Protein backbone atom coordinates (compact mmCIF):
# COMPACT_ATOMS: atom_id res chain seq x y z
CA UNK A 1 41.69 -176.92 22.98
CA UNK A 2 41.20 -176.99 18.80
CA UNK A 3 39.74 -174.50 16.93
CA UNK A 4 36.48 -176.71 16.35
CA UNK A 5 35.88 -176.95 19.54
CA UNK A 6 35.81 -173.86 20.67
CA UNK A 7 33.47 -172.92 17.65
CA UNK A 8 30.91 -175.42 18.93
CA UNK A 9 31.05 -174.07 22.68
CA UNK A 10 30.84 -170.59 21.49
CA UNK A 11 27.59 -171.57 18.95
CA UNK A 12 25.90 -173.71 21.69
CA UNK A 13 26.13 -170.63 23.88
CA UNK A 14 24.70 -168.51 20.89
CA UNK A 15 21.73 -170.57 20.63
CA UNK A 16 20.11 -169.31 23.88
CA UNK A 17 19.76 -165.83 22.07
CA UNK A 18 20.36 -165.88 18.52
CA UNK A 19 18.47 -168.26 15.58
CA UNK A 20 20.39 -170.81 14.11
CA UNK A 21 21.59 -168.95 10.90
CA UNK A 22 22.47 -166.01 12.65
CA UNK A 23 24.16 -167.60 15.32
CA UNK A 24 26.44 -169.54 13.29
CA UNK A 25 27.51 -166.45 11.57
CA UNK A 26 28.19 -164.36 14.59
CA UNK A 27 30.39 -167.44 15.77
CA UNK A 28 32.37 -167.87 12.51
CA UNK A 29 32.64 -163.93 12.81
CA UNK A 30 34.09 -164.43 16.56
CA UNK A 31 36.33 -167.36 16.30
CA UNK A 32 37.74 -165.18 12.90
CA UNK A 33 38.72 -161.98 14.67
CA UNK A 34 39.92 -163.69 17.34
CA UNK A 35 42.43 -166.29 15.39
CA UNK A 36 42.70 -165.18 12.12
CA UNK A 37 41.32 -168.29 10.65
CA UNK A 38 38.60 -168.13 8.28
CA UNK A 39 35.39 -170.50 8.02
CA UNK A 40 37.14 -172.62 5.25
CA UNK A 41 40.29 -173.22 7.62
CA UNK A 42 38.54 -173.83 10.62
CA UNK A 43 36.58 -176.86 8.66
CA UNK A 44 39.68 -178.10 6.73
CA UNK A 45 42.04 -177.84 9.85
CA UNK A 46 39.68 -178.94 13.13
CA UNK A 47 42.51 -179.67 15.14
CA UNK A 48 44.35 -176.03 14.90
CA UNK A 49 44.82 -175.21 18.73
CA UNK A 50 43.64 -172.00 20.29
CA UNK A 51 45.77 -170.48 22.91
CA UNK A 52 44.90 -169.89 26.59
CA UNK A 53 44.47 -165.99 25.62
CA UNK A 54 42.46 -166.49 22.73
CA UNK A 55 39.82 -168.32 24.96
CA UNK A 56 39.92 -166.00 27.37
CA UNK A 57 39.01 -163.77 24.55
CA UNK A 58 36.55 -165.76 22.99
CA UNK A 59 34.60 -165.97 26.42
CA UNK A 60 34.76 -161.88 26.91
CA UNK A 61 33.41 -161.46 23.34
CA UNK A 62 30.63 -164.07 24.63
CA UNK A 63 29.55 -162.38 27.65
CA UNK A 64 28.73 -158.98 25.40
CA UNK A 65 27.11 -161.24 23.02
CA UNK A 66 25.11 -162.72 25.73
CA UNK A 67 23.87 -159.12 26.97
CA UNK A 68 22.36 -158.66 23.29
CA UNK A 69 25.71 -156.25 22.25
CA UNK A 70 25.90 -156.17 18.79
CA UNK A 71 28.58 -158.06 17.17
CA UNK A 72 29.45 -155.09 15.09
CA UNK A 73 30.29 -153.51 18.31
CA UNK A 74 31.86 -156.06 20.19
CA UNK A 75 34.68 -156.19 17.50
CA UNK A 76 34.37 -152.73 16.39
CA UNK A 77 34.13 -153.22 13.11
CA UNK A 78 31.11 -153.82 10.29
CA UNK A 79 31.48 -154.62 6.74
CA UNK A 80 30.25 -152.16 4.08
CA UNK A 81 30.60 -152.62 0.64
CA UNK A 82 33.55 -155.01 0.85
CA UNK A 83 35.02 -152.16 3.11
CA UNK A 84 36.07 -153.36 6.99
CA UNK A 85 34.75 -150.00 8.55
CA UNK A 86 35.30 -148.96 12.43
CA UNK A 87 31.76 -148.53 14.47
CA UNK A 88 30.72 -147.82 17.82
CA UNK A 89 27.90 -146.79 20.10
CA UNK A 90 28.17 -143.38 18.80
CA UNK A 91 26.76 -144.40 14.63
CA UNK A 92 24.58 -146.97 13.52
CA UNK A 93 25.60 -150.19 12.35
CA UNK A 94 26.08 -150.02 8.30
CA UNK A 95 23.22 -152.33 6.90
CA UNK A 96 22.58 -154.11 3.73
CA UNK A 97 19.79 -151.50 2.56
CA UNK A 98 21.91 -148.96 2.64
CA UNK A 99 24.29 -150.95 0.48
CA UNK A 100 21.50 -150.91 -2.02
CA UNK A 101 21.06 -146.97 -1.65
CA UNK A 102 24.86 -146.57 -2.98
CA UNK A 103 24.56 -149.06 -5.37
CA UNK A 104 21.93 -147.09 -6.80
CA UNK A 105 23.68 -144.01 -6.87
CA UNK A 106 27.34 -145.68 -7.90
CA UNK A 107 25.17 -147.32 -10.78
CA UNK A 108 22.99 -143.81 -11.96
CA UNK A 109 26.64 -141.91 -12.08
CA UNK A 110 28.13 -144.51 -14.21
CA UNK A 111 25.09 -143.83 -16.78
CA UNK A 112 25.66 -140.25 -16.77
CA UNK A 113 29.48 -140.38 -17.83
CA UNK A 114 29.94 -137.86 -15.92
CA UNK A 115 32.29 -138.63 -12.70
CA UNK A 116 33.26 -135.22 -11.77
CA UNK A 117 30.17 -134.20 -9.61
CA UNK A 118 29.52 -133.61 -6.08
CA UNK A 119 28.26 -135.84 -3.12
CA UNK A 120 26.85 -134.32 -0.32
CA UNK A 121 25.52 -136.85 2.67
CA UNK A 122 23.10 -135.66 5.32
CA UNK A 123 23.94 -137.60 9.05
CA UNK A 124 26.97 -139.24 7.92
CA UNK A 125 27.80 -141.41 10.91
CA UNK A 126 29.70 -143.82 10.54
CA UNK A 127 30.92 -142.16 7.16
CA UNK A 128 29.84 -145.39 4.93
CA UNK A 129 27.99 -143.48 2.28
CA UNK A 130 30.55 -141.33 1.17
CA UNK A 131 33.68 -143.14 1.74
CA UNK A 132 32.17 -146.55 -0.29
CA UNK A 133 31.03 -143.45 -3.41
CA UNK A 134 34.40 -142.26 -3.39
CA UNK A 135 36.20 -145.76 -3.07
CA UNK A 136 34.33 -146.86 -6.04
CA UNK A 137 34.50 -143.52 -7.74
CA UNK A 138 37.38 -141.85 -7.06
CA UNK A 139 36.39 -138.67 -9.16
CA UNK A 140 33.30 -137.78 -7.15
CA UNK A 141 34.11 -134.98 -4.62
CA UNK A 142 32.43 -136.15 -1.67
CA UNK A 143 31.12 -134.10 1.44
CA UNK A 144 29.67 -135.06 4.80
CA UNK A 145 27.70 -133.51 7.97
CA UNK A 146 26.57 -134.90 11.21
CA UNK A 147 25.10 -132.99 14.40
CA UNK A 148 27.35 -135.76 16.62
CA UNK A 149 31.18 -134.98 16.92
CA UNK A 150 31.50 -138.47 18.32
CA UNK A 151 30.13 -139.85 15.22
CA UNK A 152 32.27 -137.76 12.84
CA UNK A 153 35.61 -138.97 14.83
CA UNK A 154 34.48 -142.55 13.57
CA UNK A 155 33.56 -141.44 10.23
CA UNK A 156 36.93 -139.66 10.00
CA UNK A 157 39.11 -142.49 11.34
CA UNK A 158 37.01 -144.37 8.37
CA UNK A 159 38.42 -142.40 5.77
CA UNK A 160 41.89 -142.33 6.91
CA UNK A 161 41.79 -145.87 6.92
CA UNK A 162 40.20 -146.22 3.49
CA UNK A 163 42.69 -143.80 2.27
CA UNK A 164 39.51 -141.99 0.84
CA UNK A 165 39.31 -137.82 1.34
CA UNK A 166 35.86 -136.80 2.81
CA UNK A 167 35.35 -133.34 3.69
CA UNK A 168 33.82 -133.70 7.03
CA UNK A 169 31.55 -130.80 8.83
CA UNK A 170 30.22 -131.00 12.41
CA UNK A 171 26.80 -129.08 12.00
CA UNK A 172 23.23 -129.68 13.01
CA UNK A 173 21.07 -130.05 9.86
CA UNK A 174 17.92 -128.90 11.30
CA UNK A 175 19.18 -125.73 11.98
CA UNK A 176 18.13 -123.98 8.59
CA UNK A 177 20.72 -121.10 10.02
CA UNK A 178 23.88 -123.56 9.05
CA UNK A 179 23.16 -124.13 6.11
CA UNK A 180 25.05 -121.07 4.36
CA UNK A 181 28.41 -122.76 5.41
CA UNK A 182 27.22 -125.71 2.62
CA UNK A 183 27.53 -124.82 -0.92
CA UNK A 184 25.86 -126.52 -3.88
CA UNK A 185 25.75 -130.45 -5.02
CA UNK A 186 24.81 -132.78 -7.61
CA UNK A 187 23.79 -135.49 -5.50
CA UNK A 188 22.20 -134.64 -1.77
CA UNK A 189 21.82 -138.45 -0.17
CA UNK A 190 20.69 -139.07 3.47
CA UNK A 191 19.54 -142.26 5.30
CA UNK A 192 18.16 -139.86 8.39
CA UNK A 193 16.04 -140.99 11.74
CA UNK A 194 12.95 -142.32 10.34
CA UNK A 195 11.58 -144.79 13.14
CA UNK A 196 8.85 -143.28 14.64
CA UNK A 197 8.55 -143.56 18.62
CA UNK A 198 6.26 -145.66 18.62
CA UNK A 199 7.51 -148.69 16.58
CA UNK A 200 10.21 -149.39 19.35
CA UNK A 201 8.32 -152.08 20.59
CA UNK A 202 8.42 -153.92 17.67
CA UNK A 203 12.15 -153.63 17.44
CA UNK A 204 14.93 -155.72 18.44
CA UNK A 205 16.59 -155.34 22.10
CA UNK A 206 20.12 -155.27 20.67
CA UNK A 207 19.01 -152.11 18.43
CA UNK A 208 17.10 -150.21 21.26
CA UNK A 209 19.77 -150.54 24.05
CA UNK A 210 23.08 -150.08 21.81
CA UNK A 211 22.55 -148.23 18.57
CA UNK A 212 22.13 -144.39 18.79
CA UNK A 213 18.57 -142.86 19.43
CA UNK A 214 19.52 -139.63 18.05
CA UNK A 215 19.87 -141.40 14.56
CA UNK A 216 17.25 -143.87 14.78
CA UNK A 217 14.04 -141.91 16.04
CA UNK A 218 12.00 -139.05 14.94
CA UNK A 219 8.68 -138.07 17.21
CA UNK A 220 5.36 -139.66 15.70
CA UNK A 221 3.94 -136.72 15.36
CA UNK A 222 6.13 -135.59 12.67
CA UNK A 223 7.81 -138.57 11.38
CA UNK A 224 8.97 -136.69 8.03
CA UNK A 225 10.87 -134.22 10.08
CA UNK A 226 14.01 -134.96 8.57
CA UNK A 227 12.73 -135.25 5.36
CA UNK A 228 10.87 -131.69 5.21
CA UNK A 229 14.01 -129.97 5.52
CA UNK A 230 15.96 -132.18 2.97
CA UNK A 231 13.65 -131.00 0.23
CA UNK A 232 14.10 -127.43 1.51
CA UNK A 233 17.64 -127.49 1.63
CA UNK A 234 17.45 -129.43 -1.72
CA UNK A 235 15.60 -126.71 -3.45
CA UNK A 236 18.38 -124.19 -2.75
CA UNK A 237 21.70 -126.26 -2.86
CA UNK A 238 20.97 -128.81 -5.60
CA UNK A 239 22.47 -128.38 -8.81
CA UNK A 240 20.98 -127.97 -12.29
CA UNK A 241 19.43 -131.70 -12.88
CA UNK A 242 20.95 -132.64 -9.90
CA UNK A 243 19.53 -135.49 -7.79
CA UNK A 244 18.37 -136.49 -4.03
CA UNK A 245 18.66 -140.00 -2.84
CA UNK A 246 16.93 -141.06 0.65
CA UNK A 247 16.41 -144.44 2.40
CA UNK A 248 12.86 -144.51 4.37
CA UNK A 249 10.61 -146.24 7.05
CA UNK A 250 8.83 -148.79 4.67
CA UNK A 251 5.71 -147.50 6.35
CA UNK A 252 6.06 -143.87 4.78
CA UNK A 253 7.46 -144.49 1.00
CA UNK A 254 3.88 -142.77 -0.47
CA UNK A 255 4.16 -139.82 2.17
CA UNK A 256 7.88 -139.18 1.15
CA UNK A 257 6.86 -139.31 -2.52
CA UNK A 258 4.23 -137.05 -2.42
CA UNK A 259 6.19 -134.71 -0.25
CA UNK A 260 8.99 -134.44 -2.89
CA UNK A 261 6.69 -134.32 -5.96
CA UNK A 262 4.55 -131.53 -3.54
CA UNK A 263 8.00 -129.54 -3.68
CA UNK A 264 8.57 -129.45 -7.16
CA UNK A 265 10.75 -132.46 -8.02
CA UNK A 266 10.33 -133.37 -11.63
CA UNK A 267 11.02 -137.01 -11.18
CA UNK A 268 10.35 -139.32 -8.10
CA UNK A 269 10.75 -143.03 -7.67
CA UNK A 270 10.29 -145.13 -4.98
CA UNK A 271 12.35 -148.34 -4.92
CA UNK A 272 11.96 -151.85 -2.77
CA UNK A 273 14.62 -153.29 -1.03
CA UNK A 274 16.07 -156.91 -1.19
CA UNK A 275 12.75 -157.56 0.94
CA UNK A 276 10.37 -156.11 -0.78
CA UNK A 277 9.90 -153.69 1.49
CA UNK A 278 9.61 -149.45 0.19
CA UNK A 279 13.43 -148.75 1.49
CA UNK A 280 14.67 -145.80 -0.91
CA UNK A 281 13.21 -142.63 -3.02
CA UNK A 282 15.25 -140.86 -5.73
CA UNK A 283 14.02 -137.26 -6.86
CA UNK A 284 15.26 -135.58 -9.44
CA UNK A 285 15.67 -131.53 -8.26
CA UNK A 286 13.18 -129.04 -9.36
């Protein structure tokens, strides 16, 4: 079988569950992962042979994809800020919106001219945020916590493979008694759970079935649960003129802004993502 035929067969099957563009992107990812041939190679050299073992591997991957398992979990990797990171069902799949949050942080650090600062990430998951910041600006001292030991194993592996030093700690952030283990930081950042339980019906199956619920959902009656804790923590652990950056539920932008303003933060900025949705907030310390 040629690489082009393998691609076409895979694409036809993916059309059963994915839209046209997404199916094509996923098919490209699978073919490159299995054969090592990039999209441009497949287009230019359509008759490259695909071995029997590779065909079996493609069939196995296809079977998992048709059961709604996200391509990132199937392949065990996801791209974030030009880095290939390891992922599995213990961590959320890094998303473009979080890249935008990281870009905001990087831009602000560069504006200050002081790169020798400290950053603390709450609920690090795959470690994508602190690893990306440290990779781009090595002078920044980065620390991160997560309540999941399994997630931290993924984050630690990613930091090792990216050759980036991150101080990881296994800690339940909602348990305030554990905060005494932590220091003071110039930047506090978090992409916390912010999806209301009632919003599950509007979410895609591949998210609901496979991504870790502990990293996604908050109670309907207390959607700001983590933001309240972040505000309280920041008031004690944010250095003078430090800033907090958080990713948010698009429906809770004003609520998060008011929470920070009501707690004495001097400058609070609500920012939209590339889709035009309220997605992140920056608050400069009280």
